[in-house]
PDB file of N, CA and C in Angstrom:
ATOM      1  N   GLY A   1      12.722   1.448 -11.209  1.00  0.00           N
ATOM      2  CA  GLY A   1      11.941   0.075 -10.796  1.00  0.00           C
ATOM      3  C   GLY A   1      11.302  -0.181  -9.563  1.00  0.00           C
ATOM      4  N   LEU A   2      11.366  -1.663  -9.519  1.00  0.00           N
ATOM      5  CA  LEU A   2      10.439  -1.279  -8.505  1.00  0.00           C
ATOM      6  C   LEU A   2      11.530  -0.922  -7.397  1.00  0.00           C
ATOM      7  N   THR A   3      12.689  -1.528  -7.637  1.00  0.00           N
ATOM      8  CA  THR A   3      13.089  -1.433  -6.005  1.00  0.00           C
ATOM      9  C   THR A   3      13.204   0.190  -5.979  1.00  0.00           C
ATOM     10  N   LEU A   4      13.331   1.460  -6.600  1.00  0.00           N
ATOM     11  CA  LEU A   4      12.148   2.820  -6.500  1.00  0.00           C
ATOM     12  C   LEU A   4      11.190   3.061  -5.989  1.00  0.00           C
ATOM     13  N   ALA A   5       9.957   1.690  -6.220  1.00  0.00           N
ATOM     14  CA  ALA A   5       8.741   2.183  -6.016  1.00  0.00           C
ATOM     15  C   ALA A   5       8.693   1.682  -4.790  1.00  0.00           C
ATOM     16  N   GLY A   6       9.672   0.770  -4.250  1.00  0.00           N
ATOM     17  CA  GLY A   6       9.481  -0.802  -3.299  1.00  0.00           C
ATOM     18  C   GLY A   6      10.318   1.010  -2.375  1.00  0.00           C
ATOM     19  N   LEU A   7      11.001   1.589  -2.203  1.00  0.00           N
ATOM     20  CA  LEU A   7      11.669   2.381  -1.276  1.00  0.00           C
ATOM     21  C   LEU A   7      10.980   3.388  -1.155  1.00  0.00           C
ATOM     22  N   THR A   8      10.084   4.098  -1.871  1.00  0.00           N
ATOM     23  CA  THR A   8       9.268   5.049  -2.021  1.00  0.00           C
ATOM     24  C   THR A   8       8.483   4.914  -1.082  1.00  0.00           C
ATOM     25  N   LEU A   9       7.455   3.578  -1.387  1.00  0.00           N
ATOM     26  CA  LEU A   9       6.550   2.754  -0.880  1.00  0.00           C
ATOM     27  C   LEU A   9       7.065   3.331   1.041  1.00  0.00           C
ATOM     28  N   TYR A  10       8.241   2.986   1.289  1.00  0.00           N
ATOM     29  CA  TYR A  10       8.818   2.478   2.551  1.00  0.00           C
ATOM     30  C   TYR A  10       8.318   3.941   3.261  1.00  0.00           C
ATOM     31  N   GLN A  11       9.459   5.404   2.307  1.00  0.00           N
ATOM     32  CA  GLN A  11       9.833   6.337   3.323  1.00  0.00           C
ATOM     33  C   GLN A  11       8.112   6.950   3.512  1.00  0.00           C
ATOM     34  N   VAL A  12       7.354   6.534   2.126  1.00  0.00           N
ATOM     35  CA  VAL A  12       5.853   7.654   2.831  1.00  0.00           C
ATOM     36  C   VAL A  12       5.812   6.555   3.791  1.00  0.00           C
ATOM     37  N   ILE A  13       5.210   5.071   3.896  1.00  0.00           N
ATOM     38  CA  ILE A  13       4.350   5.202   4.972  1.00  0.00           C
ATOM     39  C   ILE A  13       5.161   5.146   6.074  1.00  0.00           C
ATOM     40  N   SER A  14       6.780   4.745   6.283  1.00  0.00           N
ATOM     41  CA  SER A  14       7.391   5.103   7.501  1.00  0.00           C
ATOM     42  C   SER A  14       7.559   6.696   7.869  1.00  0.00           C
ATOM     43  N   GLU A  15       7.367   7.697   6.721  1.00  0.00           N
ATOM     44  CA  GLU A  15       6.983   9.337   7.110  1.00  0.00           C
ATOM     45  C   GLU A  15       6.025   9.184   7.797  1.00  0.00           C
ATOM     46  N   HIS A  16       4.787   8.933   6.641  1.00  0.00           N
ATOM     47  CA  HIS A  16       3.178   9.759   7.170  1.00  0.00           C
ATOM     48  C   HIS A  16       2.011   8.449   8.125  1.00  0.00           C
ATOM     49  N   PHE A  17       2.429   7.476   8.171  1.00  0.00           N
ATOM     50  CA  PHE A  17       1.560   6.167   8.514  1.00  0.00           C
ATOM     51  C   PHE A  17       2.200   5.355   9.080  1.00  0.00           C
ATOM     52  N   PRO A  18       3.214   5.604  10.496  1.00  0.00           N
ATOM     53  CA  PRO A  18       4.012   4.608  11.014  1.00  0.00           C
ATOM     54  C   PRO A  18       2.913   3.768  11.560  1.00  0.00           C
ATOM     55  N   ASP A  19       2.092   3.717  11.708  1.00  0.00           N
ATOM     56  CA  ASP A  19       0.988   2.680  12.927  1.00  0.00           C
ATOM     57  C   ASP A  19       0.155   1.357  11.985  1.00  0.00           C
ATOM     58  N   LEU A  20       0.401   2.181  10.013  1.00  0.00           N
ATOM     59  CA  LEU A  20       0.123   0.671   9.209  1.00  0.00           C
ATOM     60  C   LEU A  20       0.896  -0.164   9.445  1.00  0.00           C
ATOM     61  N   PHE A  21       2.113  -0.609   9.951  1.00  0.00           N
ATOM     62  CA  PHE A  21       3.196  -1.658  10.149  1.00  0.00           C
ATOM     63  C   PHE A  21       3.085  -2.137  11.768  1.00  0.00           C
ATOM     64  N   SER A  22       2.589  -2.584  12.290  1.00  0.00           N
ATOM     65  CA  SER A  22       2.681  -3.066  14.098  1.00  0.00           C
ATOM     66  C   SER A  22       2.523  -4.876  14.214  1.00  0.00           C
ATOM     67  N   ASP A  23       3.071  -4.940  15.285  1.00  0.00           N
ATOM     68  CA  ASP A  23       3.336  -6.059  15.823  1.00  0.00           C
ATOM     69  C   ASP A  23       2.034  -6.769  15.944  1.00  0.00           C
ATOM     70  N   ASN A  24       1.355  -8.209  15.168  1.00  0.00           N
ATOM     71  CA  ASN A  24       0.081  -8.322  14.801  1.00  0.00           C
ATOM     72  C   ASN A  24       0.361 -10.516  15.493  1.00  0.00           C
ATOM     73  N   GLN A  25      -0.606 -10.271  16.216  1.00  0.00           N
ATOM     74  CA  GLN A  25      -0.096 -11.532  17.021  1.00  0.00           C
ATOM     75  C   GLN A  25      -1.276 -12.863  16.638  1.00  0.00           C
ATOM     76  N   VAL A  26      -0.722 -13.894  15.732  1.00  0.00           N
ATOM     77  CA  VAL A  26      -2.033 -14.926  15.510  1.00  0.00           C
ATOM     78  C   VAL A  26      -1.626 -16.377  16.169  1.00  0.00           C
ATOM     79  N   ASN A  27      -2.759 -16.538  16.772  1.00  0.00           N
ATOM     80  CA  ASN A  27      -2.984 -17.399  17.717  1.00  0.00           C
ATOM     81  C   ASN A  27      -1.744 -17.035  19.191  1.00  0.00           C
ATOM     82  N   LEU A  28      -0.651 -17.798  19.426  1.00  0.00           N
ATOM     83  CA  LEU A  28       0.516 -17.097  19.977  1.00  0.00           C
ATOM     84  C   LEU A  28       1.791 -16.665  19.908  1.00  0.00           C
ATOM     85  N   TYR A  29       1.044 -16.576  18.325  1.00  0.00           N
ATOM     86  CA  TYR A  29       3.020 -16.077  18.072  1.00  0.00           C
ATOM     87  C   TYR A  29       3.164 -14.222  17.401  1.00  0.00           C
ATOM     88  N   THR A  30       3.868 -13.766  18.218  1.00  0.00           N
ATOM     89  CA  THR A  30       3.625 -12.530  17.685  1.00  0.00           C
ATOM     90  C   THR A  30       4.841 -12.005  16.433  1.00  0.00           C
ATOM     91  N   TYR A  31       3.775 -11.615  15.234  1.00  0.00           N
ATOM     92  CA  TYR A  31       5.203 -11.197  14.355  1.00  0.00           C
ATOM     93  C   TYR A  31       5.075  -9.248  14.446  1.00  0.00           C
ATOM     94  N   LYS A  32       6.453  -9.049  14.396  1.00  0.00           N
ATOM     95  CA  LYS A  32       6.481  -7.736  14.592  1.00  0.00           C
ATOM     96  C   LYS A  32       6.524  -6.495  12.727  1.00  0.00           C
ATOM     97  N   LYS A  33       6.299  -5.661  13.880  1.00  0.00           N
ATOM     98  CA  LYS A  33       6.490  -4.736  12.023  1.00  0.00           C
ATOM     99  C   LYS A  33       6.037  -5.665  11.157  1.00  0.00           C
ATOM    100  N   CYS A  34       4.367  -5.387  10.499  1.00  0.00           N
ATOM    101  CA  CYS A  34       3.458  -6.260   9.740  1.00  0.00           C
ATOM    102  C   CYS A  34       2.289  -5.683   9.412  1.00  0.00           C
ATOM    103  N   CYS A  35       1.443  -5.381   8.286  1.00  0.00           N
ATOM    104  CA  CYS A  35       0.800  -5.052   8.383  1.00  0.00           C
ATOM    105  C   CYS A  35      -0.240  -6.367   7.239  1.00  0.00           C
ATOM    106  N   SER A  36      -1.417  -6.591   7.485  1.00  0.00           N
ATOM    107  CA  SER A  36      -2.391  -7.540   6.424  1.00  0.00           C
ATOM    108  C   SER A  36      -2.370  -7.413   5.372  1.00  0.00           C
ATOM    109  N   GLY A  37      -2.420  -8.250   4.779  1.00  0.00           N
ATOM    110  CA  GLY A  37      -2.758  -8.373   2.960  1.00  0.00           C
ATOM    111  C   GLY A  37      -3.815  -6.900   2.786  1.00  0.00           C
ATOM    112  N   LYS A  38      -4.779  -7.597   3.635  1.00  0.00           N
ATOM    113  CA  LYS A  38      -5.876  -7.036   2.929  1.00  0.00           C
ATOM    114  C   LYS A  38      -5.808  -5.194   3.430  1.00  0.00           C
ATOM    115  N   LYS A  39      -5.313  -4.789   4.516  1.00  0.00           N
ATOM    116  CA  LYS A  39      -4.816  -3.912   5.089  1.00  0.00           C
ATOM    117  C   LYS A  39      -4.529  -3.293   3.820  1.00  0.00           C
ATOM    118  N   LEU A  40      -2.913  -3.685   3.848  1.00  0.00           N
ATOM    119  CA  LEU A  40      -2.277  -2.625   2.483  1.00  0.00           C
ATOM    120  C   LEU A  40      -2.983  -2.308   1.204  1.00  0.00           C
ATOM    121  N   ILE A  41      -4.009  -3.217   1.115  1.00  0.00           N
ATOM    122  CA  ILE A  41      -4.643  -3.156  -0.159  1.00  0.00           C
ATOM    123  C   ILE A  41      -5.476  -2.445  -0.048  1.00  0.00           C
ATOM    124  N   GLU A  42      -5.901  -1.794   1.090  1.00  0.00           N
ATOM    125  CA  GLU A  42      -7.488  -1.005   1.320  1.00  0.00           C
ATOM    126  C   GLU A  42      -6.283  -0.011   2.075  1.00  0.00           C
ATOM    127  N   TRP A  43      -5.530   0.554   2.462  1.00  0.00           N
ATOM    128  CA  TRP A  43      -4.699   1.386   2.360  1.00  0.00           C
ATOM    129  C   TRP A  43      -3.980   2.607   0.872  1.00  0.00           C
ATOM    130  N   VAL A  44      -3.418   1.605  -0.149  1.00  0.00           N
ATOM    131  CA  VAL A  44      -2.990   1.606  -1.206  1.00  0.00           C
ATOM    132  C   VAL A  44      -4.593   2.630  -1.936  1.00  0.00           C
ATOM    133  N   LEU A  45      -5.255   1.303  -2.470  1.00  0.00           N
ATOM    134  CA  LEU A  45      -6.636   2.575  -2.635  1.00  0.00           C
ATOM    135  C   LEU A  45      -7.254   3.617  -1.972  1.00  0.00           C
ATOM    136  N   SER A  46      -7.367   3.740  -0.529  1.00  0.00           N
ATOM    137  CA  SER A  46      -7.557   4.930   0.058  1.00  0.00           C
ATOM    138  C   SER A  46      -6.595   5.834  -0.418  1.00  0.00           C
ATOM    139  N   GLN A  47      -5.683   5.835  -0.875  1.00  0.00           N
ATOM    140  CA  GLN A  47      -4.912   7.035  -1.059  1.00  0.00           C
ATOM    141  C   GLN A  47      -3.975   7.042  -1.865  1.00  0.00           C
ATOM    142  N   SER A  48      -4.998   6.475  -3.208  1.00  0.00           N
ATOM    143  CA  SER A  48      -3.857   6.650  -4.854  1.00  0.00           C
ATOM    144  C   SER A  48      -5.383   6.588  -5.607  1.00  0.00           C
ATOM    145  N   SER A  49      -4.951   7.775  -6.739  1.00  0.00           N
ATOM    146  CA  SER A  49      -6.409   7.297  -7.381  1.00  0.00           C
ATOM    147  C   SER A  49      -6.059   6.528  -8.471  1.00  0.00           C
ATOM    148  N   ALA A  50      -5.311   6.774  -9.037  1.00  0.00           N
ATOM    149  CA  ALA A  50      -4.382   5.867  -9.749  1.00  0.00           C
ATOM    150  C   ALA A  50      -4.550   4.025  -9.733  1.00  0.00           C
ATOM    151  N   ALA A  51      -4.914   3.908  -8.336  1.00  0.00           N
ATOM    152  CA  ALA A  51      -5.004   2.520  -8.096  1.00  0.00           C
ATOM    153  C   ALA A  51      -6.778   2.610  -8.882  1.00  0.00           C
ATOM    154  N   ARG A  52      -7.221   1.114  -9.431  1.00  0.00           N
ATOM    155  CA  ARG A  52      -8.499   1.591 -10.015  1.00  0.00           C
ATOM    156  C   ARG A  52      -9.199   0.220  -9.857  1.00  0.00           C
ATOM    157  N   SER A  53      -8.297  -1.333  -9.295  1.00  0.00           N
ATOM    158  CA  SER A  53      -8.861  -2.193  -8.638  1.00  0.00           C
ATOM    159  C   SER A  53      -8.050  -2.666  -8.052  1.00  0.00           C
ATOM    160  N   ARG A  54      -9.122  -3.788  -7.047  1.00  0.00           N
ATOM    161  CA  ARG A  54      -8.319  -4.739  -5.702  1.00  0.00           C
ATOM    162  C   ARG A  54      -6.689  -5.036  -6.408  1.00  0.00           C
ATOM    163  N   GLN A  55      -7.647  -5.711  -7.872  1.00  0.00           N
ATOM    164  CA  GLN A  55      -6.987  -6.777  -8.471  1.00  0.00           C
ATOM    165  C   GLN A  55      -5.398  -6.628  -9.052  1.00  0.00           C
ATOM    166  N   GLN A  56      -5.885  -5.033  -9.171  1.00  0.00           N
ATOM    167  CA  GLN A  56      -4.220  -3.731  -9.465  1.00  0.00           C
ATOM    168  C   GLN A  56      -3.492  -3.528  -8.207  1.00  0.00           C
ATOM    169  N   VAL A  57      -3.954  -3.609  -7.459  1.00  0.00           N
ATOM    170  CA  VAL A  57      -3.115  -3.019  -5.682  1.00  0.00           C
ATOM    171  C   VAL A  57      -2.501  -4.577  -5.284  1.00  0.00           C
ATOM    172  N   ILE A  58      -3.124  -5.660  -6.250  1.00  0.00           N
ATOM    173  CA  ILE A  58      -2.399  -6.703  -5.405  1.00  0.00           C
ATOM    174  C   ILE A  58      -1.688  -7.551  -6.080  1.00  0.00           C
ATOM    175  N   THR A  59      -1.807  -7.326  -7.272  1.00  0.00           N
ATOM    176  CA  THR A  59      -0.520  -7.307  -8.475  1.00  0.00           C
ATOM    177  C   THR A  59       0.869  -6.447  -8.535  1.00  0.00           C
ATOM    178  N   MET A  60       0.528  -5.030  -7.793  1.00  0.00           N
ATOM    179  CA  MET A  60       1.751  -4.649  -7.541  1.00  0.00           C
ATOM    180  C   MET A  60       1.966  -5.012  -6.474  1.00  0.00           C
ATOM    181  N   TRP A  61       1.201  -5.478  -5.039  1.00  0.00           N
ATOM    182  CA  TRP A  61       2.003  -6.097  -4.153  1.00  0.00           C
ATOM    183  C   TRP A  61       2.884  -7.553  -4.603  1.00  0.00           C
ATOM    184  N   GLN A  62       2.430  -8.065  -4.880  1.00  0.00           N
ATOM    185  CA  GLN A  62       3.088  -9.142  -5.386  1.00  0.00           C
ATOM    186  C   GLN A  62       3.924  -9.095  -6.230  1.00  0.00           C
ATOM    187  N   ALA A  63       4.203  -8.356  -6.965  1.00  0.00           N
ATOM    188  CA  ALA A  63       5.826  -7.083  -7.650  1.00  0.00           C
ATOM    189  C   ALA A  63       7.050  -7.264  -6.691  1.00  0.00           C
ATOM    190  N   LEU A  64       6.450  -6.608  -5.692  1.00  0.00           N
ATOM    191  CA  LEU A  64       6.871  -6.552  -4.717  1.00  0.00           C
ATOM    192  C   LEU A  64       7.466  -7.059  -3.781  1.00  0.00           C
ATOM    193  N   LEU A  65       7.011  -8.288  -3.217  1.00  0.00           N
ATOM    194  CA  LEU A  65       6.931  -9.517  -3.037  1.00  0.00           C
ATOM    195  C   LEU A  65       7.939 -10.337  -3.776  1.00  0.00           C
ATOM    196  N   THR A  66       8.118 -10.431  -5.358  1.00  0.00           N
ATOM    197  CA  THR A  66       8.290 -11.415  -5.920  1.00  0.00           C
ATOM    198  C   THR A  66       9.881 -10.758  -6.052  1.00  0.00           C
ATOM    199  N   GLU A  67      10.228  -9.105  -6.256  1.00  0.00           N
ATOM    200  CA  GLU A  67      11.303  -8.708  -5.991  1.00  0.00           C
ATOM    201  C   GLU A  67      12.053  -8.929  -4.549  1.00  0.00           C
ATOM    202  N   GLY A  68      11.478  -9.212  -3.657  1.00  0.00           N
ATOM    203  CA  GLY A  68      12.075  -8.708  -2.156  1.00  0.00           C
ATOM    204  C   GLY A  68      11.713  -7.792  -1.932  1.00  0.00           C
ATOM    205  N   ILE A  69      11.096  -6.762  -1.644  1.00  0.00           N
ATOM    206  CA  ILE A  69      10.919  -5.386  -1.051  1.00  0.00           C
ATOM    207  C   ILE A  69      10.244  -5.968  -0.164  1.00  0.00           C
ATOM    208  N   ILE A  70       9.074  -6.535  -0.317  1.00  0.00           N
ATOM    209  CA  ILE A  70       7.842  -7.345   1.068  1.00  0.00           C
ATOM    210  C   ILE A  70       8.759  -8.484   1.111  1.00  0.00           C
ATOM    211  N   GLN A  71       8.087  -8.677   2.574  1.00  0.00           N
ATOM    212  CA  GLN A  71       8.158 -10.724   2.390  1.00  0.00           C
ATOM    213  C   GLN A  71       6.731 -10.969   3.225  1.00  0.00           C
ATOM    214  N   HIS A  72       6.595 -11.943   3.074  1.00  0.00           N
ATOM    215  CA  HIS A  72       5.696 -12.932   3.961  1.00  0.00           C
ATOM    216  C   HIS A  72       6.207 -13.205   4.916  1.00  0.00           C
ATOM    217  N   VAL A  73       5.816 -12.750   5.940  1.00  0.00           N
ATOM    218  CA  VAL A  73       6.237 -13.110   7.723  1.00  0.00           C
ATOM    219  C   VAL A  73       6.479 -14.809   7.953  1.00  0.00           C
ATOM    220  N   LEU A  74       5.643 -16.249   6.831  1.00  0.00           N
ATOM    221  CA  LEU A  74       5.714 -17.085   7.159  1.00  0.00           C
ATOM    222  C   LEU A  74       7.303 -17.572   5.432  1.00  0.00           C
ATOM    223  N   ASN A  75       7.895 -16.177   4.480  1.00  0.00           N
ATOM    224  CA  ASN A  75       8.660 -16.721   3.729  1.00  0.00           C
ATOM    225  C   ASN A  75       7.550 -17.492   2.690  1.00  0.00           C
ATOM    226  N   LYS A  76       6.021 -17.313   2.188  1.00  0.00           N
ATOM    227  CA  LYS A  76       5.034 -17.239   1.524  1.00  0.00           C
ATOM    228  C   LYS A  76       5.514 -16.893   0.063  1.00  0.00           C
ATOM    229  N   ASN A  77       5.207 -16.813  -0.969  1.00  0.00           N
ATOM    230  CA  ASN A  77       6.272 -16.439  -1.813  1.00  0.00           C
ATOM    231  C   ASN A  77       4.470 -16.133  -2.759  1.00  0.00           C
ATOM    232  N   TYR A  78       3.266 -15.668  -2.663  1.00  0.00           N
ATOM    233  CA  TYR A  78       2.385 -15.041  -2.851  1.00  0.00           C
ATOM    234  C   TYR A  78       1.331 -13.752  -1.677  1.00  0.00           C
ATOM    235  N   PHE A  79       0.584 -12.813  -2.736  1.00  0.00           N
ATOM    236  CA  PHE A  79       0.370 -11.869  -1.673  1.00  0.00           C
ATOM    237  C   PHE A  79      -0.774 -12.234  -2.301  1.00  0.00           C
ATOM    238  N   GLU A  80      -1.304 -12.225  -0.428  1.00  0.00           N
ATOM    239  CA  GLU A  80      -3.382 -12.503  -0.655  1.00  0.00           C
ATOM    240  C   GLU A  80      -3.822 -10.977   0.550  1.00  0.00           C
ATOM    241  N   ASP A  81      -5.024 -11.106  -0.509  1.00  0.00           N
ATOM    242  CA  ASP A  81      -6.214 -10.309   0.195  1.00  0.00           C
ATOM    243  C   ASP A  81      -7.014 -10.887   1.019  1.00  0.00           C
ATOM    244  N   ASP A  82      -6.160 -10.607   2.565  1.00  0.00           N
ATOM    245  CA  ASP A  82      -6.629 -10.888   3.928  1.00  0.00           C
ATOM    246  C   ASP A  82      -6.254 -10.705   5.106  1.00  0.00           C
ATOM    247  N   ASN A  83      -6.693 -10.591   5.704  1.00  0.00           N
ATOM    248  CA  ASN A  83      -7.106  -9.850   7.297  1.00  0.00           C
ATOM    249  C   ASN A  83      -6.351 -10.708   7.860  1.00  0.00           C
ATOM    250  N   GLN A  84      -5.503 -12.107   8.032  1.00  0.00           N
ATOM    251  CA  GLN A  84      -5.048 -13.132   8.806  1.00  0.00           C
ATOM    252  C   GLN A  84      -3.320 -13.524   8.423  1.00  0.00           C
ATOM    253  N   VAL A  85      -3.052 -12.906   6.638  1.00  0.00           N
ATOM    254  CA  VAL A  85      -1.545 -12.819   6.273  1.00  0.00           C
ATOM    255  C   VAL A  85      -0.958 -11.835   6.245  1.00  0.00           C
ATOM    256  N   TYR A  86       0.167 -11.286   7.146  1.00  0.00           N
ATOM    257  CA  TYR A  86       0.567 -10.501   7.588  1.00  0.00           C
ATOM    258  C   TYR A  86       2.276 -10.665   5.974  1.00  0.00           C
ATOM    259  N   TYR A  87       2.578  -9.019   6.180  1.00  0.00           N
ATOM    260  CA  TYR A  87       3.845  -8.952   5.221  1.00  0.00           C
ATOM    261  C   TYR A  87       4.667  -8.048   6.068  1.00  0.00           C
ATOM    262  N   ARG A  88       5.659  -7.909   5.647  1.00  0.00           N
ATOM    263  CA  ARG A  88       6.976  -7.151   6.041  1.00  0.00           C
ATOM    264  C   ARG A  88       7.312  -6.131   4.841  1.00  0.00           C
ATOM    265  N   PHE A  89       7.973  -4.606   5.070  1.00  0.00           N
ATOM    266  CA  PHE A  89       9.000  -4.669   4.507  1.00  0.00           C
ATOM    267  C   PHE A  89      10.574  -5.353   5.230  1.00  0.00           C
ATOM    268  N   VAL A  90      10.966  -5.841   3.605  1.00  0.00           N
ATOM    269  CA  VAL A  90      12.573  -6.938   4.410  1.00  0.00           C
ATOM    270  C   VAL A  90      13.591  -5.372   4.255  1.00  0.00           C
ATOM    271  N   GLU A  91      14.246  -5.272   5.581  1.00  0.00           N
ATOM    272  CA  GLU A  91      15.028  -4.316   6.290  1.00  0.00           C
ATOM    273  C   GLU A  91      15.938  -4.509   4.994  1.00  0.00           C
ATOM    274  N   ARG A  92      16.579  -5.426   5.153  1.00  0.00           N
ATOM    275  CA  ARG A  92      18.260  -5.559   3.732  1.00  0.00           C
ATOM    276  C   ARG A  92      17.767  -4.752   2.667  1.00  0.00           C
ATOM    277  N   ALA A  93      16.673  -4.962   1.730  1.00  0.00           N
ATOM    278  CA  ALA A  93      15.797  -4.618   0.830  1.00  0.00           C
ATOM    279  C   ALA A  93      16.383  -2.939   1.016  1.00  0.00           C
ATOM    280  N   ILE A  94      16.359  -2.427   1.976  1.00  0.00           N
ATOM    281  CA  ILE A  94      16.129  -1.250   2.363  1.00  0.00           C
ATOM    282  C   ILE A  94      17.476  -0.071   2.541  1.00  0.00           C
ATOM    283  N   PRO A  95      18.142   0.324   1.797  1.00  0.00           N
ATOM    284  CA  PRO A  95      19.127   1.144   2.225  1.00  0.00           C
ATOM    285  C   PRO A  95      19.191   2.136   3.836  1.00  0.00           C
ATOM    286  N   GLU A  96      19.677   1.981   4.457  1.00  0.00           N
ATOM    287  CA  GLU A  96      20.272   2.877   5.761  1.00  0.00           C
ATOM    288  C   GLU A  96      19.740   3.632   5.960  1.00  0.00           C
ATOM    289  N   TYR A  97      20.249   5.180   4.420  1.00  0.00           N
ATOM    290  CA  TYR A  97      19.948   5.767   4.552  1.00  0.00           C
ATOM    291  C   TYR A  97      18.336   6.506   4.663  1.00  0.00           C
ATOM    292  N   ALA A  98      17.434   5.484   4.264  1.00  0.00           N
ATOM    293  CA  ALA A  98      16.025   5.366   4.144  1.00  0.00           C
ATOM    294  C   ALA A  98      15.672   5.041   5.091  1.00  0.00           C
ATOM    295  N   ARG A  99      16.224   4.174   6.323  1.00  0.00           N
ATOM    296  CA  ARG A  99      15.660   3.789   7.323  1.00  0.00           C
ATOM    297  C   ARG A  99      15.112   4.431   8.765  1.00  0.00           C
ATOM    298  N   ILE A 100      15.782   5.681   9.172  1.00  0.00           N
ATOM    299  CA  ILE A 100      16.013   6.607  10.327  1.00  0.00           C
ATOM    300  C   ILE A 100      15.419   7.591   9.096  1.00  0.00           C
ATOM    301  N   LEU A 101      14.020   7.397   9.413  1.00  0.00           N
ATOM    302  CA  LEU A 101      12.879   8.400   8.707  1.00  0.00           C
ATOM    303  C   LEU A 101      12.306   9.227   9.717  1.00  0.00           C
ATOM    304  N   VAL A 102      11.405   8.869  10.807  1.00  0.00           N
ATOM    305  CA  VAL A 102      11.000   9.281  11.550  1.00  0.00           C
ATOM    306  C   VAL A 102      12.177   8.868  13.061  1.00  0.00           C
ATOM    307  N   ARG A 103      12.490  10.349  13.957  1.00  0.00           N
ATOM    308  CA  ARG A 103      13.250  10.380  15.016  1.00  0.00           C
ATOM    309  C   ARG A 103      12.236  10.413  16.195  1.00  0.00           C
ATOM    310  N   PRO A 104      12.586   9.391  17.560  1.00  0.00           N
ATOM    311  CA  PRO A 104      12.312  10.201  18.373  1.00  0.00           C
ATOM    312  C   PRO A 104      12.141  11.981  18.842  1.00  0.00           C
ATOM    313  N   ASN A 105      11.189  12.116  19.157  1.00  0.00           N
ATOM    314  CA  ASN A 105      10.136  13.372  19.903  1.00  0.00           C
ATOM    315  C   ASN A 105      10.165  13.579  18.458  1.00  0.00           C
ATOM    316  N   SER A 106      10.113  13.171  17.031  1.00  0.00           N
ATOM    317  CA  SER A 106      10.053  14.317  16.063  1.00  0.00           C
ATOM    318  C   SER A 106       8.300  14.174  15.590  1.00  0.00           C
ATOM    319  N   PRO A 107       7.967  15.307  14.831  1.00  0.00           N
ATOM    320  CA  PRO A 107       6.286  15.211  14.345  1.00  0.00           C
ATOM    321  C   PRO A 107       6.334  13.852  13.342  1.00  0.00           C
ATOM    322  N   GLY A 108       5.567  13.258  14.436  1.00  0.00           N
ATOM    323  CA  GLY A 108       5.051  11.764  13.500  1.00  0.00           C
ATOM    324  C   GLY A 108       5.508  10.674  14.100  1.00  0.00           C
ATOM    325  N   SER A 109       6.413  10.673  14.959  1.00  0.00           N
ATOM    326  CA  SER A 109       6.744   9.452  15.427  1.00  0.00           C
ATOM    327  C   SER A 109       5.700   9.599  17.014  1.00  0.00           C
ATOM    328  N   ARG A 110       5.793   8.090  16.975  1.00  0.00           N
ATOM    329  CA  ARG A 110       4.827   7.917  18.664  1.00  0.00           C
ATOM    330  C   ARG A 110       5.907   7.480  19.769  1.00  0.00           C
ATOM    331  N   SER A 111       5.216   7.581  20.562  1.00  0.00           N
ATOM    332  CA  SER A 111       5.548   8.094  22.082  1.00  0.00           C
ATOM    333  C   SER A 111       5.407   6.470  22.824  1.00  0.00           C
ATOM    334  N   ASN A 112       6.560   6.051  23.399  1.00  0.00           N
ATOM    335  CA  ASN A 112       6.091   5.490  24.184  1.00  0.00           C
ATOM    336  C   ASN A 112       5.462   5.237  25.285  1.00  0.00           C
ATOM    337  N   ASP A 113       5.139   6.849  25.964  1.00  0.00           N
ATOM    338  CA  ASP A 113       3.957   7.128  26.205  1.00  0.00           C
ATOM    339  C   ASP A 113       3.119   6.565  26.603  1.00  0.00           C
ATOM    340  N   THR A 114       1.834   5.393  27.129  1.00  0.00           N
ATOM    341  CA  THR A 114       0.647   5.809  27.262  1.00  0.00           C
ATOM    342  C   THR A 114      -0.254   5.837  28.183  1.00  0.00           C
TER     343      THR A 114
END
């Protein structure tokens, strides 16, 4: 079901695309570990030949939002194709065993040394 699809997306993104979700500032507030709706749509379109249209991908993300797999940072209940509207995975929807995918100093992890 959608929970499995959401978990799979979370695992793939966490392991292979950890920079997709990052801290984003809007006005003077910083939203932690989130991604814009537009960027999420473009990421799916770039990764999947099965995704045929933006509207199809919006429908997919809307279903994950409705099911509580992702959430709007301000808890709105609709998904928007917008660069200034942010979403994140809902931690409580992700089982503990799936959260620890990229460990420090493992391939794909980010170092804090910049």
